[in-house]
């Protein structure tokens, strides 16, 4: 089952995608309501949705399929880490700490983009994409999202979407030298979409450890750049959710990114392996298309650099301890 948000003639609607039509939820129900109610209730609601009651997809513009409560982005592909560290730090390695626990950062839920949106990047000479899958958290009646086991965490996964973590690599590299970030190198845009595909669609595809062998690929201006399997993650999604909930909580509407696929899931990985900016960084007018098996396709065009007011450099202060 696919769940989406869309706009038609200025009116925003939430509902199902059935065949090649969108069918609005009844009674003003929203995606947030459906996520909070959990997967079983959503499937029951979807059983009464029929394409004949909807609007052709060609007559609407898709929005991001949810307004996220939060976005955590993991770095779960060993091959990506191996290549991208050489691009950022000049050394190709996977540090031992990567293998101990999953690692993630929080990115900006307020700059989410939809498929077909134009990306407005910051001033950067190394604009990049990141091919990922996101897991969307839903409610489980009678159960909190704190300190979950992997088995319990799997029940909180409502569905999946395609996830593009846009990145300004030169900005990211500067930030991470200060032992923080990535922050401003990332928070200008994250594409989520084109819709949420509910977790039941993939139930028979999980292997014995919970990994999903879904094909993922990305192309720039029609030229293939990267291809990988989602099952090459170091941890399955249920374990990522369990780790995120440790001494914390996951709640309906949270999105957890897999991290960037290997084998060309981003340009920085290729730059690190090749020792040169090949393929070149993204530029104005470039189109990035990502496809994930069983989920769908997102596409965005890079727009012009955003115009922003300047910030001066730090002032060296006298470090007084008393007011003069």
Protein backbone atom coordinates (compact mmCIF):
# COMPACT_ATOMS: atom_id res chain seq x y z
CA UNK A 1 0.00 0.00 0.00
CA UNK A 2 1.26 3.49 -0.88
CA UNK A 3 0.51 6.62 1.16
CA UNK A 4 1.09 10.12 -0.18
CA UNK A 5 0.38 13.81 0.12
CA UNK A 6 -0.34 15.97 -2.90
CA UNK A 7 -1.57 19.35 -4.05
CA UNK A 8 -4.16 20.08 -6.73
CA UNK A 9 -5.26 23.61 -7.56
CA UNK A 10 -3.79 24.86 -4.29
CA UNK A 11 -5.55 22.26 -2.15
CA UNK A 12 -3.39 19.86 -0.11
CA UNK A 13 -4.71 16.32 0.36
CA UNK A 14 -3.49 13.19 2.14
CA UNK A 15 -4.39 9.67 1.06
CA UNK A 16 -3.55 6.50 -0.80
CA UNK A 17 -2.01 5.89 -4.18
CA UNK A 18 -4.04 3.14 -5.86
CA UNK A 19 -2.78 2.04 -9.26
CA UNK A 20 -2.25 5.37 -11.09
CA UNK A 21 -4.73 7.38 -8.98
CA UNK A 22 -4.66 9.19 -5.65
CA UNK A 23 -7.56 8.59 -3.27
CA UNK A 24 -8.02 10.98 -0.33
CA UNK A 25 -8.41 9.66 3.20
CA UNK A 26 -12.01 9.94 4.44
CA UNK A 27 -13.17 12.53 6.95
CA UNK A 28 -10.13 14.80 6.86
CA UNK A 29 -7.76 12.12 8.18
CA UNK A 30 -4.09 13.06 7.66
CA UNK A 31 -0.91 11.08 7.13
CA UNK A 32 0.10 12.02 10.68
CA UNK A 33 -3.16 10.50 11.97
CA UNK A 34 -2.58 7.30 10.01
CA UNK A 35 1.01 6.96 11.23
CA UNK A 36 -0.09 7.46 14.83
CA UNK A 37 -2.79 4.81 14.44
CA UNK A 38 -0.30 2.19 13.31
CA UNK A 39 0.09 -0.13 10.36
CA UNK A 40 -2.78 -2.53 11.06
CA UNK A 41 -5.34 0.28 11.21
CA UNK A 42 -3.86 1.85 8.06
CA UNK A 43 -4.22 -1.40 6.14
CA UNK A 44 -7.82 -1.69 7.24
CA UNK A 45 -8.49 1.87 6.10
CA UNK A 46 -6.77 1.22 2.78
CA UNK A 47 -8.90 -1.81 2.02
CA UNK A 48 -11.79 0.52 1.12
CA UNK A 49 -9.73 2.76 -1.21
CA UNK A 50 -10.47 2.27 -4.90
CA UNK A 51 -8.89 3.96 -7.90
CA UNK A 52 -12.31 4.73 -9.34
CA UNK A 53 -12.90 7.13 -6.44
CA UNK A 54 -9.66 9.02 -6.99
CA UNK A 55 -7.84 11.48 -9.23
CA UNK A 56 -5.21 10.53 -11.82
CA UNK A 57 -1.65 10.99 -10.57
CA UNK A 58 -0.95 13.07 -13.67
CA UNK A 59 -3.36 15.75 -12.43
CA UNK A 60 -1.67 16.37 -9.04
CA UNK A 61 1.77 17.40 -7.77
CA UNK A 62 3.21 15.11 -5.11
CA UNK A 63 4.42 16.62 -1.86
CA UNK A 64 6.78 14.96 0.59
CA UNK A 65 4.65 12.10 1.94
CA UNK A 66 4.84 13.27 5.55
CA UNK A 67 5.90 16.16 7.74
CA UNK A 68 8.58 14.39 9.79
CA UNK A 69 8.66 14.60 13.57
CA UNK A 70 12.44 14.19 13.28
CA UNK A 71 15.00 12.87 10.81
CA UNK A 72 17.89 10.69 11.90
CA UNK A 73 20.37 9.74 9.21
CA UNK A 74 22.61 6.74 9.81
CA UNK A 75 25.86 5.75 8.10
CA UNK A 76 25.23 2.03 7.72
CA UNK A 77 27.07 1.10 4.49
CA UNK A 78 30.69 0.07 5.05
CA UNK A 79 31.62 0.62 1.40
CA UNK A 80 30.38 4.22 1.51
CA UNK A 81 32.41 4.97 4.66
CA UNK A 82 35.51 3.48 3.07
CA UNK A 83 35.32 5.79 0.07
CA UNK A 84 33.91 8.99 1.51
CA UNK A 85 36.46 9.27 4.34
CA UNK A 86 39.17 9.59 1.71
CA UNK A 87 37.22 12.44 0.12
CA UNK A 88 36.60 14.29 3.40
CA UNK A 89 39.72 13.46 5.45
CA UNK A 90 42.20 12.27 2.83
CA UNK A 91 42.48 8.79 4.37
CA UNK A 92 40.54 5.77 3.12
CA UNK A 93 39.52 3.82 6.19
CA UNK A 94 36.67 2.47 8.27
CA UNK A 95 37.49 3.19 11.89
CA UNK A 96 36.95 0.33 14.39
CA UNK A 97 34.28 2.37 16.18
CA UNK A 98 32.04 2.16 13.10
CA UNK A 99 31.61 -1.59 13.65
CA UNK A 100 30.67 -1.29 17.33
CA UNK A 101 27.33 0.54 17.06
CA UNK A 102 25.27 2.27 14.37
CA UNK A 103 26.03 6.00 14.07
CA UNK A 104 23.62 8.74 13.05
CA UNK A 105 23.13 12.48 13.09
CA UNK A 106 19.94 14.54 13.24
CA UNK A 107 19.18 16.53 10.11
CA UNK A 108 16.68 19.31 9.43
CA UNK A 109 12.98 18.31 9.27
CA UNK A 110 12.06 21.83 8.11
CA UNK A 111 13.78 21.74 4.72
CA UNK A 112 12.24 18.54 3.38
CA UNK A 113 11.80 18.43 -0.39
CA UNK A 114 9.43 16.42 -2.58
CA UNK A 115 10.14 14.69 -5.84
CA UNK A 116 10.26 17.31 -8.64
CA UNK A 117 11.17 20.13 -6.25
CA UNK A 118 14.11 22.33 -7.25
CA UNK A 119 17.08 22.13 -4.85
CA UNK A 120 18.47 25.50 -3.71
CA UNK A 121 22.02 24.77 -2.48
CA UNK A 122 24.32 26.92 -0.35
CA UNK A 123 27.55 28.39 -1.72
CA UNK A 124 29.56 25.25 -2.45
CA UNK A 125 32.01 23.88 -4.96
CA UNK A 126 31.22 20.25 -4.10
CA UNK A 127 27.47 19.70 -4.22
CA UNK A 128 26.56 16.03 -3.88
CA UNK A 129 23.59 13.67 -3.47
CA UNK A 130 23.22 10.59 -1.24
CA UNK A 131 21.18 7.56 -2.31
CA UNK A 132 19.34 6.16 0.72
CA UNK A 133 16.18 4.47 1.94
CA UNK A 134 14.26 5.89 4.89
CA UNK A 135 12.19 3.93 7.39
CA UNK A 136 9.09 5.74 8.68
CA UNK A 137 7.99 5.10 12.26
CA UNK A 138 4.36 4.39 13.09
CA UNK A 139 2.49 3.83 16.31
CA UNK A 140 2.02 0.48 18.02
CA UNK A 141 -1.09 0.49 20.23
CA UNK A 142 -0.26 0.16 23.90
CA UNK A 143 3.50 0.34 23.38
CA UNK A 144 5.96 3.19 23.83
CA UNK A 145 8.88 3.70 21.45
CA UNK A 146 11.59 3.73 24.14
CA UNK A 147 14.40 1.19 24.69
CA UNK A 148 13.06 -1.21 22.08
CA UNK A 149 14.44 -4.61 21.26
CA UNK A 150 15.09 -5.22 17.57
CA UNK A 151 12.01 -7.45 17.41
CA UNK A 152 9.81 -4.76 18.96
CA UNK A 153 11.44 -2.08 16.82
CA UNK A 154 10.46 -3.96 13.66
CA UNK A 155 6.80 -3.53 14.64
CA UNK A 156 7.29 0.25 14.81
CA UNK A 157 8.44 0.41 11.18
CA UNK A 158 5.37 1.62 9.32
CA UNK A 159 6.93 1.78 5.87
CA UNK A 160 9.74 2.98 3.62
CA UNK A 161 10.52 5.79 1.20
CA UNK A 162 13.39 6.97 -0.99
CA UNK A 163 15.71 9.39 0.83
CA UNK A 164 18.21 11.81 -0.73
CA UNK A 165 20.50 13.54 1.75
CA UNK A 166 21.79 16.52 -0.28
CA UNK A 167 25.32 17.46 0.78
CA UNK A 168 27.73 20.37 0.35
CA UNK A 169 30.95 18.43 0.85
CA UNK A 170 33.32 21.37 1.25
CA UNK A 171 31.06 22.91 3.91
CA UNK A 172 30.73 19.50 5.58
CA UNK A 173 34.50 19.00 5.60
CA UNK A 174 35.10 22.37 7.28
CA UNK A 175 32.51 21.66 9.98
CA UNK A 176 33.82 18.20 10.78
CA UNK A 177 37.34 19.55 11.34
CA UNK A 178 35.83 21.36 14.34
CA UNK A 179 34.60 17.93 15.59
CA UNK A 180 30.95 18.78 15.04
CA UNK A 181 28.51 18.20 12.25
CA UNK A 182 27.65 17.55 9.60
CA UNK A 183 25.25 20.46 10.03
CA UNK A 184 25.15 23.33 7.53
CA UNK A 185 26.71 21.07 4.93
CA UNK A 186 23.50 19.05 5.02
CA UNK A 187 20.53 20.97 6.37
CA UNK A 188 19.48 22.84 3.22
CA UNK A 189 17.50 19.95 1.79
CA UNK A 190 16.48 16.31 2.15
CA UNK A 191 14.24 14.76 -0.50
CA UNK A 192 11.71 12.21 0.80
CA UNK A 193 9.32 10.36 -1.45
CA UNK A 194 7.68 9.79 -3.73
CA UNK A 195 5.35 8.13 -1.19
CA UNK A 196 5.49 5.78 1.80
CA UNK A 197 5.22 2.09 0.90
CA UNK A 198 3.91 0.17 3.89
CA UNK A 199 6.15 -2.41 5.54
CA UNK A 200 3.83 -5.34 4.82
CA UNK A 201 4.79 -5.08 1.12
CA UNK A 202 8.31 -6.26 2.00
CA UNK A 203 7.55 -8.86 4.67
CA UNK A 204 8.43 -11.84 2.45
CA UNK A 205 11.69 -10.26 1.25
CA UNK A 206 13.54 -10.03 4.57
CA UNK A 207 16.33 -12.56 5.01
CA UNK A 208 16.90 -14.44 8.27
CA UNK A 209 18.65 -11.45 9.85
CA UNK A 210 16.10 -8.89 8.71
CA UNK A 211 17.98 -7.39 5.75
CA UNK A 212 16.06 -6.25 2.66
CA UNK A 213 17.74 -7.00 -0.72
CA UNK A 214 16.19 -4.08 -2.61
CA UNK A 215 17.96 -2.70 -5.68
CA UNK A 216 18.94 0.99 -5.45
CA UNK A 217 20.30 3.16 -8.26
CA UNK A 218 21.03 6.80 -9.04
CA UNK A 219 21.63 8.68 -12.29
CA UNK A 220 22.70 12.24 -13.08
CA UNK A 221 21.40 13.76 -16.30
CA UNK A 222 20.43 10.26 -17.46
CA UNK A 223 23.89 8.78 -16.85
CA UNK A 224 24.05 5.93 -14.29
CA UNK A 225 26.35 6.77 -11.37
CA UNK A 226 25.72 4.19 -8.64
CA UNK A 227 23.92 0.96 -7.88
CA UNK A 228 23.74 -1.13 -4.71
CA UNK A 229 21.55 -3.45 -2.64
CA UNK A 230 19.92 -2.20 0.55
CA UNK A 231 20.94 -5.49 2.17
CA UNK A 232 24.58 -4.30 2.13
CA UNK A 233 23.82 -2.24 5.25
CA UNK A 234 25.85 -3.24 8.30
CA UNK A 235 22.68 -3.46 10.39
CA UNK A 236 19.06 -4.12 9.34
CA UNK A 237 16.56 -1.33 9.89
CA UNK A 238 15.04 -2.92 13.00
CA UNK A 239 18.41 -2.69 14.76
CA UNK A 240 18.83 0.93 13.68
CA UNK A 241 15.43 1.77 15.15
CA UNK A 242 16.27 -0.12 18.36
CA UNK A 243 19.52 1.81 18.70
CA UNK A 244 17.78 5.15 18.06
CA UNK A 245 15.31 4.31 20.84
CA UNK A 246 18.03 3.47 23.36
CA UNK A 247 17.79 5.88 26.33
CA UNK A 248 15.44 7.83 24.07
CA UNK A 249 12.23 7.41 22.04
CA UNK A 250 11.10 6.99 18.49
CA UNK A 251 7.64 8.36 17.73
CA UNK A 252 5.19 8.21 14.82
CA UNK A 253 6.45 10.41 12.01
CA UNK A 254 10.15 9.92 12.73
CA UNK A 255 12.23 9.08 9.66
CA UNK A 256 15.44 7.05 9.90
CA UNK A 257 17.77 7.08 6.89
CA UNK A 258 19.85 4.05 5.99
CA UNK A 259 22.86 6.15 5.17
CA UNK A 260 24.35 6.31 1.72
CA UNK A 261 24.53 3.22 -0.44
CA UNK A 262 27.93 2.04 -1.60
CA UNK A 263 29.24 1.59 -5.14
CA UNK A 264 28.54 5.15 -6.26
CA UNK A 265 25.68 6.02 -3.93
CA UNK A 266 27.22 9.49 -3.79
CA UNK A 267 29.86 11.39 -5.69
CA UNK A 268 32.15 11.84 -2.68
CA UNK A 269 32.70 8.09 -2.44
CA UNK A 270 33.89 8.06 -6.04
CA UNK A 271 36.06 11.16 -5.52
CA UNK A 272 37.74 9.46 -2.57
CA UNK A 273 38.42 6.25 -4.47
CA UNK A 274 39.65 7.99 -7.63
CA UNK A 275 41.58 10.82 -6.03
CA UNK A 276 39.90 13.38 -8.27
CA UNK A 277 36.53 15.12 -8.73
CA UNK A 278 35.22 12.58 -11.21
CA UNK A 279 32.30 12.62 -11.89
CA UNK A 280 32.20 16.40 -11.32
CA UNK A 281 30.21 17.98 -8.48
CA UNK A 282 26.58 18.79 -9.22
CA UNK A 283 25.88 22.11 -10.94
CA UNK A 284 22.85 24.27 -11.66
CA UNK A 285 20.53 22.47 -14.07
CA UNK A 286 21.68 18.94 -13.23
CA UNK A 287 18.91 16.38 -12.69
CA UNK A 288 19.34 13.64 -10.10
CA UNK A 289 17.07 10.59 -10.32
CA UNK A 290 16.97 7.88 -7.66
CA UNK A 291 15.09 4.60 -7.86
CA UNK A 292 14.57 1.94 -5.21
CA UNK A 293 13.02 -1.40 -6.06
CA UNK A 294 9.51 -1.77 -4.67
CA UNK A 295 9.36 1.85 -3.50
CA UNK A 296 9.61 4.15 -6.50
CA UNK A 297 11.51 7.07 -7.97
CA UNK A 298 12.40 10.60 -6.92
CA UNK A 299 13.89 13.26 -9.19
CA UNK A 300 15.14 16.76 -8.51
CA UNK A 301 16.88 19.48 -10.51
CA UNK A 302 19.61 21.61 -8.96
CA UNK A 303 18.66 25.28 -8.89
CA UNK A 304 20.82 28.37 -8.43
CA UNK A 305 22.74 29.01 -5.23
CA UNK A 306 20.67 30.63 -2.50
CA UNK A 307 21.43 34.28 -1.76
CA UNK A 308 22.04 34.74 1.98
CA UNK A 309 23.42 37.51 4.23
CA UNK A 310 27.09 37.15 5.25
CA UNK A 311 28.35 36.06 8.66
CA UNK A 312 31.70 37.54 9.81
CA UNK A 313 34.54 35.33 11.06
CA UNK A 314 35.12 34.81 14.78
CA UNK A 315 36.62 37.68 16.74
CA UNK A 316 39.56 36.74 18.95
CA UNK A 317 38.48 37.70 22.44
CA UNK A 318 40.67 38.69 25.43
CA UNK A 319 39.28 35.91 27.67
CA UNK A 320 38.63 38.20 30.61
CA UNK A 321 37.06 36.57 33.67
CA UNK A 322 35.71 39.74 35.24
CA UNK A 323 33.76 42.58 33.69
CA UNK A 324 36.04 45.61 33.17
